């Protein structure tokens, strides 16, 4: 699967899982879930796309960047990660880790 199609799929899952936008309290847990499947570069591309298409002001780049920085310092709780993962799984997100072949 190409990088473009992976990012498109991720954006579709995010939009389906969070049709009203990602609430700030889910940022750290969402980033933890995304980090299981995506590289730093891919996450940056997802954030760039979400910010670029943001017209209602619901996505704040500064808050996202702060959440990314916090991820390095903060481990989200299992309950938060499970809640976010379940929301994305309901939208089709593949929860299994990719094989490391």
N, C-alpha and C. Protein backbone atom coordinates (compact mmCIF):
# COMPACT_ATOMS: atom_id res chain seq x y z
N UNK A 1 0.86 -1.17 0.00
CA UNK A 1 0.00 0.00 0.00
C UNK A 1 0.90 1.23 0.00
N UNK A 2 0.60 2.21 -0.83
CA UNK A 2 1.44 3.40 -0.92
C UNK A 2 1.20 4.30 0.28
N UNK A 3 2.16 5.21 0.51
CA UNK A 3 2.07 6.15 1.60
C UNK A 3 0.81 7.01 1.47
N UNK A 4 0.49 7.41 0.22
CA UNK A 4 -0.68 8.24 -0.01
C UNK A 4 -1.95 7.50 0.35
N UNK A 5 -2.05 6.22 -0.03
CA UNK A 5 -3.26 5.48 0.28
C UNK A 5 -3.36 5.16 1.77
N UNK A 6 -2.23 4.96 2.43
CA UNK A 6 -2.23 4.75 3.89
C UNK A 6 -2.75 6.00 4.58
N UNK A 7 -2.23 7.15 4.19
CA UNK A 7 -2.66 8.40 4.83
C UNK A 7 -4.13 8.68 4.54
N UNK A 8 -4.56 8.39 3.32
CA UNK A 8 -5.98 8.56 3.00
C UNK A 8 -6.86 7.68 3.86
N UNK A 9 -6.44 6.44 4.06
CA UNK A 9 -7.20 5.51 4.90
C UNK A 9 -7.24 6.01 6.34
N UNK A 10 -6.11 6.47 6.85
CA UNK A 10 -6.05 6.98 8.22
C UNK A 10 -6.99 8.16 8.38
N UNK A 11 -6.96 9.07 7.42
CA UNK A 11 -7.84 10.24 7.48
C UNK A 11 -9.31 9.83 7.44
N UNK A 12 -9.66 8.84 6.63
CA UNK A 12 -11.04 8.35 6.58
C UNK A 12 -11.45 7.76 7.94
N UNK A 13 -10.55 6.96 8.55
CA UNK A 13 -10.86 6.37 9.85
C UNK A 13 -11.04 7.46 10.91
N UNK A 14 -10.17 8.46 10.87
CA UNK A 14 -10.29 9.55 11.85
C UNK A 14 -11.59 10.31 11.66
N UNK A 15 -11.94 10.60 10.43
CA UNK A 15 -13.19 11.34 10.16
C UNK A 15 -14.40 10.51 10.56
N UNK A 16 -14.35 9.21 10.30
CA UNK A 16 -15.48 8.34 10.67
C UNK A 16 -15.57 8.17 12.19
N UNK A 17 -14.42 8.02 12.83
CA UNK A 17 -14.40 7.82 14.27
C UNK A 17 -14.68 9.08 15.05
N UNK A 18 -14.32 10.21 14.48
CA UNK A 18 -14.50 11.51 15.13
C UNK A 18 -15.16 12.49 14.17
N UNK A 19 -16.42 12.26 13.82
CA UNK A 19 -17.07 13.13 12.83
C UNK A 19 -17.17 14.59 13.28
N UNK A 20 -17.14 14.84 14.58
CA UNK A 20 -17.20 16.21 15.09
C UNK A 20 -15.83 16.75 15.47
N UNK A 21 -14.78 16.03 15.10
CA UNK A 21 -13.42 16.44 15.44
C UNK A 21 -12.93 15.72 16.68
N UNK A 22 -11.62 15.62 16.80
CA UNK A 22 -11.01 14.95 17.94
C UNK A 22 -11.02 15.89 19.14
N UNK A 23 -11.64 15.44 20.24
CA UNK A 23 -11.63 16.30 21.43
C UNK A 23 -10.22 16.33 22.04
N UNK A 24 -9.83 17.47 22.60
CA UNK A 24 -8.48 17.60 23.16
C UNK A 24 -8.11 16.51 24.16
N UNK A 25 -9.08 16.02 24.92
CA UNK A 25 -8.76 14.99 25.91
C UNK A 25 -8.38 13.66 25.27
N UNK A 26 -8.62 13.51 23.98
CA UNK A 26 -8.25 12.27 23.28
C UNK A 26 -6.93 12.40 22.51
N UNK A 27 -6.34 13.57 22.44
CA UNK A 27 -5.13 13.77 21.64
C UNK A 27 -4.01 12.80 21.99
N UNK A 28 -3.65 12.72 23.27
CA UNK A 28 -2.51 11.90 23.66
C UNK A 28 -2.79 10.42 23.39
N UNK A 29 -3.99 9.95 23.75
CA UNK A 29 -4.33 8.55 23.51
C UNK A 29 -4.41 8.26 22.01
N UNK A 30 -4.97 9.18 21.23
CA UNK A 30 -5.04 8.99 19.78
C UNK A 30 -3.65 8.91 19.18
N UNK A 31 -2.77 9.79 19.60
CA UNK A 31 -1.40 9.74 19.08
C UNK A 31 -0.71 8.44 19.47
N UNK A 32 -1.00 7.93 20.66
CA UNK A 32 -0.42 6.65 21.06
C UNK A 32 -0.92 5.53 20.15
N UNK A 33 -2.21 5.55 19.81
CA UNK A 33 -2.76 4.53 18.91
C UNK A 33 -2.14 4.68 17.52
N UNK A 34 -2.05 5.90 17.02
CA UNK A 34 -1.47 6.13 15.69
C UNK A 34 0.00 5.71 15.65
N UNK A 35 0.73 5.96 16.73
CA UNK A 35 2.15 5.60 16.77
C UNK A 35 2.38 4.10 16.67
N UNK A 36 1.37 3.31 16.94
CA UNK A 36 1.50 1.86 16.80
C UNK A 36 1.61 1.44 15.34
N UNK A 37 1.07 2.26 14.44
CA UNK A 37 1.00 1.89 13.03
C UNK A 37 1.74 2.84 12.09
N UNK A 38 1.98 4.06 12.51
CA UNK A 38 2.53 5.08 11.61
C UNK A 38 3.88 5.59 12.07
N UNK A 39 4.64 6.09 11.11
CA UNK A 39 5.92 6.73 11.42
C UNK A 39 5.67 8.17 11.85
N UNK A 40 6.69 8.81 12.39
CA UNK A 40 6.59 10.23 12.76
C UNK A 40 6.20 11.07 11.55
N UNK A 41 6.83 10.77 10.41
CA UNK A 41 6.56 11.51 9.18
C UNK A 41 5.10 11.35 8.75
N UNK A 42 4.58 10.14 8.84
CA UNK A 42 3.18 9.91 8.46
C UNK A 42 2.23 10.63 9.40
N UNK A 43 2.54 10.64 10.69
CA UNK A 43 1.69 11.35 11.65
C UNK A 43 1.71 12.85 11.34
N UNK A 44 2.87 13.38 11.02
CA UNK A 44 2.97 14.79 10.67
C UNK A 44 2.13 15.09 9.44
N UNK A 45 2.15 14.20 8.46
CA UNK A 45 1.34 14.40 7.25
C UNK A 45 -0.15 14.37 7.57
N UNK A 46 -0.57 13.46 8.46
CA UNK A 46 -1.96 13.40 8.85
C UNK A 46 -2.37 14.71 9.53
N UNK A 47 -1.54 15.18 10.46
CA UNK A 47 -1.84 16.44 11.16
C UNK A 47 -1.90 17.59 10.16
N UNK A 48 -0.94 17.65 9.24
CA UNK A 48 -0.93 18.72 8.23
C UNK A 48 -2.23 18.72 7.42
N UNK A 49 -2.66 17.54 7.01
CA UNK A 49 -3.89 17.43 6.21
C UNK A 49 -5.11 17.85 7.02
N UNK A 50 -5.20 17.40 8.26
CA UNK A 50 -6.34 17.77 9.10
C UNK A 50 -6.37 19.27 9.35
N UNK A 51 -5.23 19.87 9.60
CA UNK A 51 -5.17 21.32 9.84
C UNK A 51 -5.52 22.07 8.56
N UNK A 52 -5.02 21.62 7.41
CA UNK A 52 -5.26 22.29 6.14
C UNK A 52 -6.75 22.31 5.78
N UNK A 53 -7.45 21.23 6.08
CA UNK A 53 -8.87 21.16 5.70
C UNK A 53 -9.78 21.69 6.80
N UNK A 54 -9.20 22.09 7.92
CA UNK A 54 -9.95 22.58 9.05
C UNK A 54 -10.50 23.98 8.75
N UNK A 55 -11.81 24.08 8.71
CA UNK A 55 -12.40 25.39 8.44
C UNK A 55 -13.15 25.94 9.64
N UNK A 56 -13.48 25.07 10.59
CA UNK A 56 -14.26 25.51 11.73
C UNK A 56 -13.44 25.83 12.97
N UNK A 57 -12.12 25.75 12.86
CA UNK A 57 -11.28 26.07 14.00
C UNK A 57 -11.25 25.01 15.08
N UNK A 58 -11.74 23.79 14.78
CA UNK A 58 -11.77 22.73 15.80
C UNK A 58 -10.43 22.05 15.97
N UNK A 59 -9.54 22.19 15.00
CA UNK A 59 -8.23 21.55 15.11
C UNK A 59 -7.19 22.65 15.27
N UNK A 60 -6.53 22.63 16.38
CA UNK A 60 -5.55 23.66 16.72
C UNK A 60 -4.15 23.04 16.66
N UNK A 61 -3.34 23.49 15.69
CA UNK A 61 -2.00 22.92 15.51
C UNK A 61 -1.17 23.03 16.79
N UNK A 62 -1.27 24.14 17.49
CA UNK A 62 -0.49 24.29 18.72
C UNK A 62 -0.86 23.23 19.76
N UNK A 63 -2.15 22.93 19.86
CA UNK A 63 -2.59 21.91 20.83
C UNK A 63 -2.12 20.52 20.40
N UNK A 64 -2.16 20.27 19.09
CA UNK A 64 -1.70 18.97 18.60
C UNK A 64 -0.21 18.82 18.83
N UNK A 65 0.55 19.86 18.53
CA UNK A 65 2.00 19.79 18.75
C UNK A 65 2.32 19.64 20.22
N UNK A 66 1.55 20.29 21.08
CA UNK A 66 1.75 20.13 22.52
C UNK A 66 1.44 18.69 22.94
N UNK A 67 0.40 18.10 22.33
CA UNK A 67 0.05 16.71 22.65
C UNK A 67 1.14 15.76 22.18
N UNK A 68 1.71 16.02 21.01
CA UNK A 68 2.81 15.19 20.51
C UNK A 68 4.00 15.29 21.45
N UNK A 69 4.31 16.50 21.90
CA UNK A 69 5.41 16.68 22.85
C UNK A 69 5.09 15.96 24.17
N UNK A 70 3.84 16.04 24.59
CA UNK A 70 3.44 15.38 25.84
C UNK A 70 3.54 13.87 25.72
N UNK A 71 3.30 13.35 24.53
CA UNK A 71 3.37 11.91 24.33
C UNK A 71 4.75 11.38 24.69
N UNK A 72 5.77 12.18 24.44
CA UNK A 72 7.12 11.76 24.78
C UNK A 72 7.30 11.69 26.30
N UNK A 73 6.51 12.48 27.03
CA UNK A 73 6.64 12.55 28.49
C UNK A 73 5.54 11.81 29.22
N UNK A 74 4.40 11.64 28.58
CA UNK A 74 3.22 11.12 29.25
C UNK A 74 2.77 9.82 28.59
N UNK A 75 2.48 8.85 29.41
CA UNK A 75 1.91 7.60 28.89
C UNK A 75 0.42 7.66 29.14
N UNK A 76 -0.38 7.58 28.07
CA UNK A 76 -1.83 7.63 28.28
C UNK A 76 -2.29 6.39 29.03
N UNK A 77 -3.36 6.55 29.77
CA UNK A 77 -3.92 5.43 30.51
C UNK A 77 -4.50 4.38 29.58
N UNK A 78 -4.49 3.14 30.03
CA UNK A 78 -5.06 2.04 29.24
C UNK A 78 -6.51 2.31 28.88
N UNK A 79 -7.26 2.87 29.82
CA UNK A 79 -8.67 3.16 29.56
C UNK A 79 -8.83 4.16 28.42
N UNK A 80 -7.99 5.20 28.40
CA UNK A 80 -8.05 6.19 27.33
C UNK A 80 -7.66 5.58 25.99
N UNK A 81 -6.59 4.81 25.97
CA UNK A 81 -6.14 4.17 24.72
C UNK A 81 -7.20 3.20 24.22
N UNK A 82 -7.79 2.42 25.11
CA UNK A 82 -8.83 1.46 24.72
C UNK A 82 -10.06 2.18 24.16
N UNK A 83 -10.44 3.30 24.77
CA UNK A 83 -11.59 4.07 24.30
C UNK A 83 -11.34 4.59 22.89
N UNK A 84 -10.16 5.17 22.68
CA UNK A 84 -9.82 5.71 21.36
C UNK A 84 -9.69 4.59 20.34
N UNK A 85 -9.03 3.50 20.71
CA UNK A 85 -8.86 2.38 19.79
C UNK A 85 -10.21 1.79 19.40
N UNK A 86 -11.13 1.68 20.35
CA UNK A 86 -12.46 1.15 20.04
C UNK A 86 -13.21 2.07 19.09
N UNK A 87 -13.05 3.36 19.29
CA UNK A 87 -13.72 4.33 18.41
C UNK A 87 -13.18 4.20 16.98
N UNK A 88 -11.87 4.08 16.85
CA UNK A 88 -11.28 3.94 15.51
C UNK A 88 -11.59 2.57 14.91
N UNK A 89 -11.61 1.53 15.73
CA UNK A 89 -11.94 0.19 15.23
C UNK A 89 -13.36 0.17 14.67
N UNK A 90 -14.27 0.87 15.32
CA UNK A 90 -15.64 0.94 14.81
C UNK A 90 -15.69 1.61 13.44
N UNK A 91 -14.68 2.44 13.15
CA UNK A 91 -14.60 3.11 11.85
C UNK A 91 -13.75 2.31 10.85
N UNK A 92 -13.24 1.13 11.28
CA UNK A 92 -12.48 0.28 10.36
C UNK A 92 -10.98 0.24 10.59
N UNK A 93 -10.49 0.93 11.61
CA UNK A 93 -9.05 0.97 11.90
C UNK A 93 -8.54 -0.44 12.22
N UNK A 94 -7.47 -0.90 11.56
CA UNK A 94 -6.93 -2.23 11.86
C UNK A 94 -6.13 -2.21 13.16
N UNK A 95 -6.68 -2.81 14.20
CA UNK A 95 -6.03 -2.75 15.51
C UNK A 95 -4.81 -3.66 15.65
N UNK A 96 -4.73 -4.68 14.83
CA UNK A 96 -3.57 -5.57 14.92
C UNK A 96 -2.32 -4.83 14.50
N UNK A 97 -1.22 -5.12 15.20
CA UNK A 97 0.06 -4.52 14.83
C UNK A 97 0.54 -5.13 13.52
N UNK A 98 1.21 -4.32 12.69
CA UNK A 98 1.73 -4.89 11.44
C UNK A 98 2.80 -5.93 11.74
N UNK A 99 2.90 -6.92 10.90
CA UNK A 99 3.95 -7.93 11.12
C UNK A 99 5.30 -7.30 10.95
N UNK A 100 6.27 -7.83 11.63
CA UNK A 100 7.61 -7.27 11.59
C UNK A 100 8.52 -8.15 10.77
N UNK A 101 8.01 -8.68 9.67
CA UNK A 101 8.80 -9.55 8.78
C UNK A 101 9.90 -8.77 8.11
